[in-house]
């Protein structure tokens, strides 16, 4: 876990943590652009969850959508691993029933440790 957290802190998104959190707090829509592998999918939701936990406490949660079930599962598993947890305890994913079409969105929800 420490190695994962150390690797995450070296991702380009880590340098923009405060700017991203502030932008989300003060704007109704924020678009985060960056190279593949910079931390947009795995780090930004964790930045936002940590900031929300500091202000909202146990009411905080972050919902991340992905276009396919496999992507949502992979994101949820990666984030859980980075936070020293496993899917189904504090992090999880929910997938819609039925087939996955071009408009299907699946969600990975990050919730505080005490939920």
N, C-alpha and C. Protein backbone atom coordinates (compact mmCIF):
# COMPACT_ATOMS: atom_id res chain seq x y z
N UNK A 1 0.83 -1.19 0.00
CA UNK A 1 0.00 0.00 0.00
C UNK A 1 0.87 1.25 0.00
N UNK A 2 1.92 1.28 0.79
CA UNK A 2 2.80 2.45 0.86
C UNK A 2 3.43 2.71 -0.51
N UNK A 3 3.79 1.64 -1.21
CA UNK A 3 4.39 1.80 -2.54
C UNK A 3 3.38 2.40 -3.51
N UNK A 4 2.12 1.96 -3.42
CA UNK A 4 1.07 2.52 -4.28
C UNK A 4 0.85 4.00 -3.98
N UNK A 5 0.81 4.34 -2.71
CA UNK A 5 0.60 5.74 -2.33
C UNK A 5 1.78 6.60 -2.76
N UNK A 6 2.98 6.07 -2.67
CA UNK A 6 4.16 6.80 -3.09
C UNK A 6 4.13 7.02 -4.60
N UNK A 7 3.76 5.98 -5.35
CA UNK A 7 3.64 6.11 -6.80
C UNK A 7 2.56 7.13 -7.17
N UNK A 8 1.46 7.11 -6.45
CA UNK A 8 0.37 8.05 -6.72
C UNK A 8 0.81 9.49 -6.47
N UNK A 9 1.62 9.70 -5.46
CA UNK A 9 2.08 11.05 -5.16
C UNK A 9 3.02 11.60 -6.22
N UNK A 10 3.56 10.72 -7.06
CA UNK A 10 4.45 11.16 -8.14
C UNK A 10 3.70 11.40 -9.45
N UNK A 11 2.42 11.07 -9.50
CA UNK A 11 1.65 11.30 -10.73
C UNK A 11 1.46 12.80 -10.94
N UNK A 12 1.39 13.24 -12.20
CA UNK A 12 1.23 14.67 -12.48
C UNK A 12 0.02 15.31 -11.78
N UNK A 13 -1.06 14.58 -11.60
CA UNK A 13 -2.25 15.16 -10.95
C UNK A 13 -1.96 15.61 -9.53
N UNK A 14 -1.03 14.97 -8.85
CA UNK A 14 -0.72 15.31 -7.46
C UNK A 14 -0.27 16.77 -7.32
N UNK A 15 0.41 17.28 -8.32
CA UNK A 15 0.88 18.66 -8.27
C UNK A 15 -0.27 19.67 -8.36
N UNK A 16 -1.42 19.21 -8.84
CA UNK A 16 -2.57 20.09 -9.04
C UNK A 16 -3.69 19.83 -8.03
N UNK A 17 -3.41 19.05 -7.02
CA UNK A 17 -4.44 18.65 -6.05
C UNK A 17 -5.24 19.85 -5.53
N UNK A 18 -4.59 20.82 -4.96
CA UNK A 18 -5.30 21.96 -4.36
C UNK A 18 -6.05 22.77 -5.41
N UNK A 19 -5.45 22.96 -6.57
CA UNK A 19 -6.13 23.70 -7.64
C UNK A 19 -7.39 22.99 -8.09
N UNK A 20 -7.33 21.67 -8.20
CA UNK A 20 -8.49 20.90 -8.63
C UNK A 20 -9.59 20.98 -7.57
N UNK A 21 -9.24 20.76 -6.32
CA UNK A 21 -10.22 20.80 -5.23
C UNK A 21 -10.87 22.18 -5.17
N UNK A 22 -10.06 23.23 -5.27
CA UNK A 22 -10.59 24.60 -5.22
C UNK A 22 -11.50 24.88 -6.42
N UNK A 23 -11.10 24.42 -7.60
CA UNK A 23 -11.91 24.63 -8.80
C UNK A 23 -13.27 23.96 -8.66
N UNK A 24 -13.30 22.75 -8.13
CA UNK A 24 -14.56 22.03 -7.95
C UNK A 24 -15.43 22.71 -6.89
N UNK A 25 -14.79 23.24 -5.87
CA UNK A 25 -15.53 23.91 -4.79
C UNK A 25 -16.15 25.23 -5.25
N UNK A 26 -15.58 25.86 -6.25
CA UNK A 26 -16.04 27.19 -6.63
C UNK A 26 -16.70 27.28 -8.01
N UNK A 27 -16.79 26.16 -8.71
CA UNK A 27 -17.38 26.17 -10.06
C UNK A 27 -18.39 25.04 -10.22
N UNK A 28 -19.47 25.30 -10.95
CA UNK A 28 -20.48 24.25 -11.14
C UNK A 28 -20.00 23.13 -12.07
N UNK A 29 -19.06 23.42 -12.96
CA UNK A 29 -18.52 22.43 -13.89
C UNK A 29 -17.02 22.63 -13.98
N UNK A 30 -16.28 21.53 -13.88
CA UNK A 30 -14.83 21.57 -14.01
C UNK A 30 -14.42 20.45 -14.96
N UNK A 31 -13.59 20.78 -15.93
CA UNK A 31 -13.05 19.78 -16.84
C UNK A 31 -11.57 19.64 -16.54
N UNK A 32 -11.16 18.42 -16.24
CA UNK A 32 -9.76 18.13 -15.95
C UNK A 32 -9.18 17.42 -17.17
N UNK A 33 -8.18 18.01 -17.76
CA UNK A 33 -7.52 17.43 -18.93
C UNK A 33 -6.11 17.04 -18.55
N UNK A 34 -5.65 15.94 -19.11
CA UNK A 34 -4.28 15.51 -18.85
C UNK A 34 -3.95 14.28 -19.67
N UNK A 35 -2.69 13.97 -19.72
CA UNK A 35 -2.23 12.80 -20.46
C UNK A 35 -2.76 11.52 -19.84
N UNK A 36 -2.81 10.47 -20.62
CA UNK A 36 -3.16 9.15 -20.12
C UNK A 36 -2.18 8.77 -19.00
N UNK A 37 -2.72 8.30 -17.88
CA UNK A 37 -1.87 7.86 -16.78
C UNK A 37 -1.47 8.96 -15.81
N UNK A 38 -2.04 10.16 -15.96
CA UNK A 38 -1.63 11.27 -15.09
C UNK A 38 -2.36 11.28 -13.75
N UNK A 39 -3.42 10.47 -13.60
CA UNK A 39 -4.15 10.41 -12.33
C UNK A 39 -5.55 10.99 -12.39
N UNK A 40 -6.04 11.34 -13.57
CA UNK A 40 -7.38 11.91 -13.68
C UNK A 40 -8.44 10.97 -13.11
N UNK A 41 -8.36 9.73 -13.45
CA UNK A 41 -9.41 8.76 -13.08
C UNK A 41 -9.25 8.25 -11.66
N UNK A 42 -8.04 8.00 -11.22
CA UNK A 42 -7.84 7.38 -9.91
C UNK A 42 -7.54 8.37 -8.80
N UNK A 43 -6.85 9.46 -9.12
CA UNK A 43 -6.43 10.39 -8.06
C UNK A 43 -7.42 11.51 -7.81
N UNK A 44 -7.96 12.10 -8.87
CA UNK A 44 -8.87 13.24 -8.70
C UNK A 44 -10.07 12.86 -7.82
N UNK A 45 -10.73 11.72 -8.03
CA UNK A 45 -11.83 11.37 -7.12
C UNK A 45 -11.39 11.25 -5.66
N UNK A 46 -10.17 10.77 -5.43
CA UNK A 46 -9.67 10.67 -4.06
C UNK A 46 -9.37 12.05 -3.47
N UNK A 47 -8.87 12.98 -4.29
CA UNK A 47 -8.66 14.35 -3.82
C UNK A 47 -9.99 14.93 -3.35
N UNK A 48 -11.02 14.73 -4.18
CA UNK A 48 -12.34 15.29 -3.88
C UNK A 48 -12.97 14.62 -2.66
N UNK A 49 -12.79 13.31 -2.53
CA UNK A 49 -13.32 12.61 -1.35
C UNK A 49 -12.64 13.11 -0.08
N UNK A 50 -11.34 13.23 -0.11
CA UNK A 50 -10.63 13.71 1.08
C UNK A 50 -11.08 15.11 1.47
N UNK A 51 -11.26 15.98 0.47
CA UNK A 51 -11.72 17.34 0.76
C UNK A 51 -13.15 17.32 1.30
N UNK A 52 -14.00 16.49 0.73
CA UNK A 52 -15.39 16.40 1.19
C UNK A 52 -15.46 15.83 2.61
N UNK A 53 -14.63 14.85 2.90
CA UNK A 53 -14.61 14.29 4.25
C UNK A 53 -14.25 15.35 5.28
N UNK A 54 -13.34 16.24 4.91
CA UNK A 54 -12.91 17.30 5.83
C UNK A 54 -14.04 18.27 6.15
N UNK A 55 -14.96 18.45 5.22
CA UNK A 55 -16.05 19.41 5.46
C UNK A 55 -17.39 18.75 5.78
N UNK A 56 -17.69 17.63 5.14
CA UNK A 56 -19.00 16.99 5.30
C UNK A 56 -18.99 15.81 6.27
N UNK A 57 -17.82 15.28 6.55
CA UNK A 57 -17.75 14.11 7.42
C UNK A 57 -18.39 12.90 6.77
N UNK A 58 -19.15 12.11 7.54
CA UNK A 58 -19.68 10.85 7.02
C UNK A 58 -20.68 11.00 5.88
N UNK A 59 -21.17 12.19 5.62
CA UNK A 59 -22.12 12.38 4.51
C UNK A 59 -21.41 12.43 3.16
N UNK A 60 -20.09 12.48 3.16
CA UNK A 60 -19.32 12.63 1.93
C UNK A 60 -19.29 11.34 1.11
N UNK A 61 -19.40 11.50 -0.18
CA UNK A 61 -19.15 10.40 -1.11
C UNK A 61 -18.85 11.00 -2.47
N UNK A 62 -18.20 10.23 -3.31
CA UNK A 62 -17.86 10.67 -4.66
C UNK A 62 -18.30 9.57 -5.60
N UNK A 63 -18.95 9.95 -6.66
CA UNK A 63 -19.42 9.00 -7.66
C UNK A 63 -18.62 9.20 -8.93
N UNK A 64 -18.01 8.13 -9.43
CA UNK A 64 -17.20 8.18 -10.65
C UNK A 64 -17.89 7.31 -11.68
N UNK A 65 -18.11 7.84 -12.87
CA UNK A 65 -18.74 7.03 -13.92
C UNK A 65 -17.70 6.64 -14.96
N UNK A 66 -17.91 5.47 -15.51
CA UNK A 66 -17.06 4.95 -16.57
C UNK A 66 -17.99 4.37 -17.65
N UNK A 67 -17.55 4.34 -18.89
CA UNK A 67 -18.42 3.88 -19.96
C UNK A 67 -18.64 2.36 -20.00
N UNK A 68 -17.82 1.61 -19.34
CA UNK A 68 -17.95 0.14 -19.38
C UNK A 68 -17.76 -0.45 -17.98
N UNK A 69 -18.38 -1.60 -17.78
CA UNK A 69 -18.32 -2.30 -16.50
C UNK A 69 -16.88 -2.61 -16.10
N UNK A 70 -16.09 -3.10 -17.04
CA UNK A 70 -14.71 -3.46 -16.74
C UNK A 70 -13.91 -2.25 -16.26
N UNK A 71 -14.13 -1.11 -16.88
CA UNK A 71 -13.42 0.11 -16.46
C UNK A 71 -13.84 0.53 -15.06
N UNK A 72 -15.13 0.48 -14.76
CA UNK A 72 -15.60 0.86 -13.43
C UNK A 72 -15.04 -0.07 -12.36
N UNK A 73 -15.02 -1.35 -12.66
CA UNK A 73 -14.49 -2.33 -11.72
C UNK A 73 -13.00 -2.10 -11.50
N UNK A 74 -12.26 -1.86 -12.58
CA UNK A 74 -10.82 -1.64 -12.46
C UNK A 74 -10.51 -0.38 -11.64
N UNK A 75 -11.27 0.69 -11.87
CA UNK A 75 -11.06 1.93 -11.11
C UNK A 75 -11.35 1.69 -9.63
N UNK A 76 -12.49 1.08 -9.34
CA UNK A 76 -12.87 0.83 -7.94
C UNK A 76 -11.83 -0.04 -7.24
N UNK A 77 -11.34 -1.08 -7.92
CA UNK A 77 -10.34 -1.95 -7.31
C UNK A 77 -9.03 -1.21 -7.08
N UNK A 78 -8.62 -0.41 -8.04
CA UNK A 78 -7.36 0.34 -7.91
C UNK A 78 -7.44 1.32 -6.74
N UNK A 79 -8.53 2.08 -6.67
CA UNK A 79 -8.68 3.06 -5.59
C UNK A 79 -8.74 2.36 -4.23
N UNK A 80 -9.48 1.26 -4.16
CA UNK A 80 -9.56 0.52 -2.90
C UNK A 80 -8.17 0.05 -2.47
N UNK A 81 -7.40 -0.47 -3.42
CA UNK A 81 -6.04 -0.94 -3.11
C UNK A 81 -5.17 0.21 -2.61
N UNK A 82 -5.25 1.36 -3.29
CA UNK A 82 -4.45 2.51 -2.87
C UNK A 82 -4.81 2.98 -1.47
N UNK A 83 -6.08 2.83 -1.10
CA UNK A 83 -6.55 3.31 0.20
C UNK A 83 -6.52 2.20 1.26
N UNK A 84 -5.91 1.05 0.92
CA UNK A 84 -5.77 -0.03 1.88
C UNK A 84 -7.08 -0.72 2.21
N UNK A 85 -7.94 -0.83 1.23
CA UNK A 85 -9.25 -1.41 1.43
C UNK A 85 -9.52 -2.44 0.34
N UNK A 86 -10.72 -2.98 0.32
CA UNK A 86 -11.11 -3.86 -0.77
C UNK A 86 -12.54 -3.56 -1.18
N UNK A 87 -12.85 -3.93 -2.39
CA UNK A 87 -14.19 -3.69 -2.94
C UNK A 87 -15.23 -4.34 -2.05
N UNK A 88 -16.34 -3.61 -1.85
CA UNK A 88 -17.44 -4.15 -1.06
C UNK A 88 -17.44 -3.69 0.37
N UNK A 89 -16.34 -3.17 0.84
CA UNK A 89 -16.32 -2.65 2.21
C UNK A 89 -16.62 -1.16 2.19
N UNK A 90 -15.68 -0.36 1.73
CA UNK A 90 -15.89 1.09 1.70
C UNK A 90 -15.96 1.63 0.28
N UNK A 91 -15.49 0.86 -0.66
CA UNK A 91 -15.54 1.25 -2.05
C UNK A 91 -16.27 0.16 -2.81
N UNK A 92 -16.91 0.54 -3.88
CA UNK A 92 -17.59 -0.47 -4.65
C UNK A 92 -18.00 0.06 -6.00
N UNK A 93 -18.56 -0.82 -6.77
CA UNK A 93 -19.06 -0.37 -8.05
C UNK A 93 -20.45 -0.93 -8.24
N UNK A 94 -21.24 -0.22 -9.00
CA UNK A 94 -22.60 -0.65 -9.31
C UNK A 94 -22.72 -0.63 -10.82
N UNK A 95 -23.22 -1.70 -11.36
CA UNK A 95 -23.39 -1.77 -12.80
C UNK A 95 -24.86 -1.94 -13.12
N UNK A 96 -25.30 -1.36 -14.23
CA UNK A 96 -26.71 -1.50 -14.60
C UNK A 96 -27.00 -2.92 -15.06
N UNK A 97 -28.23 -3.33 -14.90
CA UNK A 97 -28.63 -4.65 -15.39
C UNK A 97 -28.87 -4.57 -16.89
N UNK A 98 -28.68 -5.68 -17.57
CA UNK A 98 -28.90 -5.68 -19.01
C UNK A 98 -27.62 -5.49 -19.78
N UNK A 99 -27.77 -5.29 -21.05
CA UNK A 99 -26.59 -5.19 -21.91
C UNK A 99 -25.95 -3.81 -21.82
N UNK A 100 -24.69 -3.79 -22.16
CA UNK A 100 -23.96 -2.52 -22.18
C UNK A 100 -23.98 -1.98 -23.60
N UNK A 101 -24.65 -0.89 -23.78
CA UNK A 101 -24.70 -0.24 -25.09
C UNK A 101 -23.81 0.97 -25.09
N UNK A 102 -23.83 1.74 -26.17
CA UNK A 102 -22.94 2.89 -26.27
C UNK A 102 -23.24 3.99 -25.26
N UNK A 103 -24.42 4.00 -24.68
CA UNK A 103 -24.76 5.04 -23.71
C UNK A 103 -24.74 4.55 -22.27
N UNK A 104 -24.32 3.32 -22.06
CA UNK A 104 -24.26 2.77 -20.72
C UNK A 104 -23.19 3.48 -19.90
N UNK A 105 -23.51 3.78 -18.66
CA UNK A 105 -22.52 4.34 -17.75
C UNK A 105 -22.57 3.51 -16.48
N UNK A 106 -21.42 3.16 -15.98
CA UNK A 106 -21.36 2.44 -14.71
C UNK A 106 -20.62 3.30 -13.71
N UNK A 107 -20.94 3.10 -12.46
CA UNK A 107 -20.43 4.00 -11.44
C UNK A 107 -19.58 3.26 -10.41
N UNK A 108 -18.54 3.93 -9.98
CA UNK A 108 -17.73 3.48 -8.84
C UNK A 108 -17.92 4.54 -7.76
N UNK A 109 -18.38 4.14 -6.60
CA UNK A 109 -18.66 5.09 -5.52
C UNK A 109 -17.60 4.98 -4.44
N UNK A 110 -17.05 6.11 -4.07
CA UNK A 110 -16.07 6.16 -2.97
C UNK A 110 -16.79 6.74 -1.77
N UNK A 111 -16.76 6.04 -0.67
CA UNK A 111 -17.43 6.51 0.55
C UNK A 111 -16.44 6.50 1.70
N UNK A 112 -16.76 7.25 2.75
CA UNK A 112 -15.85 7.32 3.90
C UNK A 112 -15.70 5.97 4.60
N UNK A 113 -14.63 5.81 5.36
CA UNK A 113 -14.37 4.54 6.03
C UNK A 113 -15.41 4.11 7.03
N UNK A 114 -16.20 5.02 7.54
CA UNK A 114 -17.14 4.63 8.59
C UNK A 114 -18.52 4.30 8.04
N UNK A 115 -18.71 4.34 6.72
CA UNK A 115 -20.01 3.94 6.14
C UNK A 115 -20.06 2.46 5.91
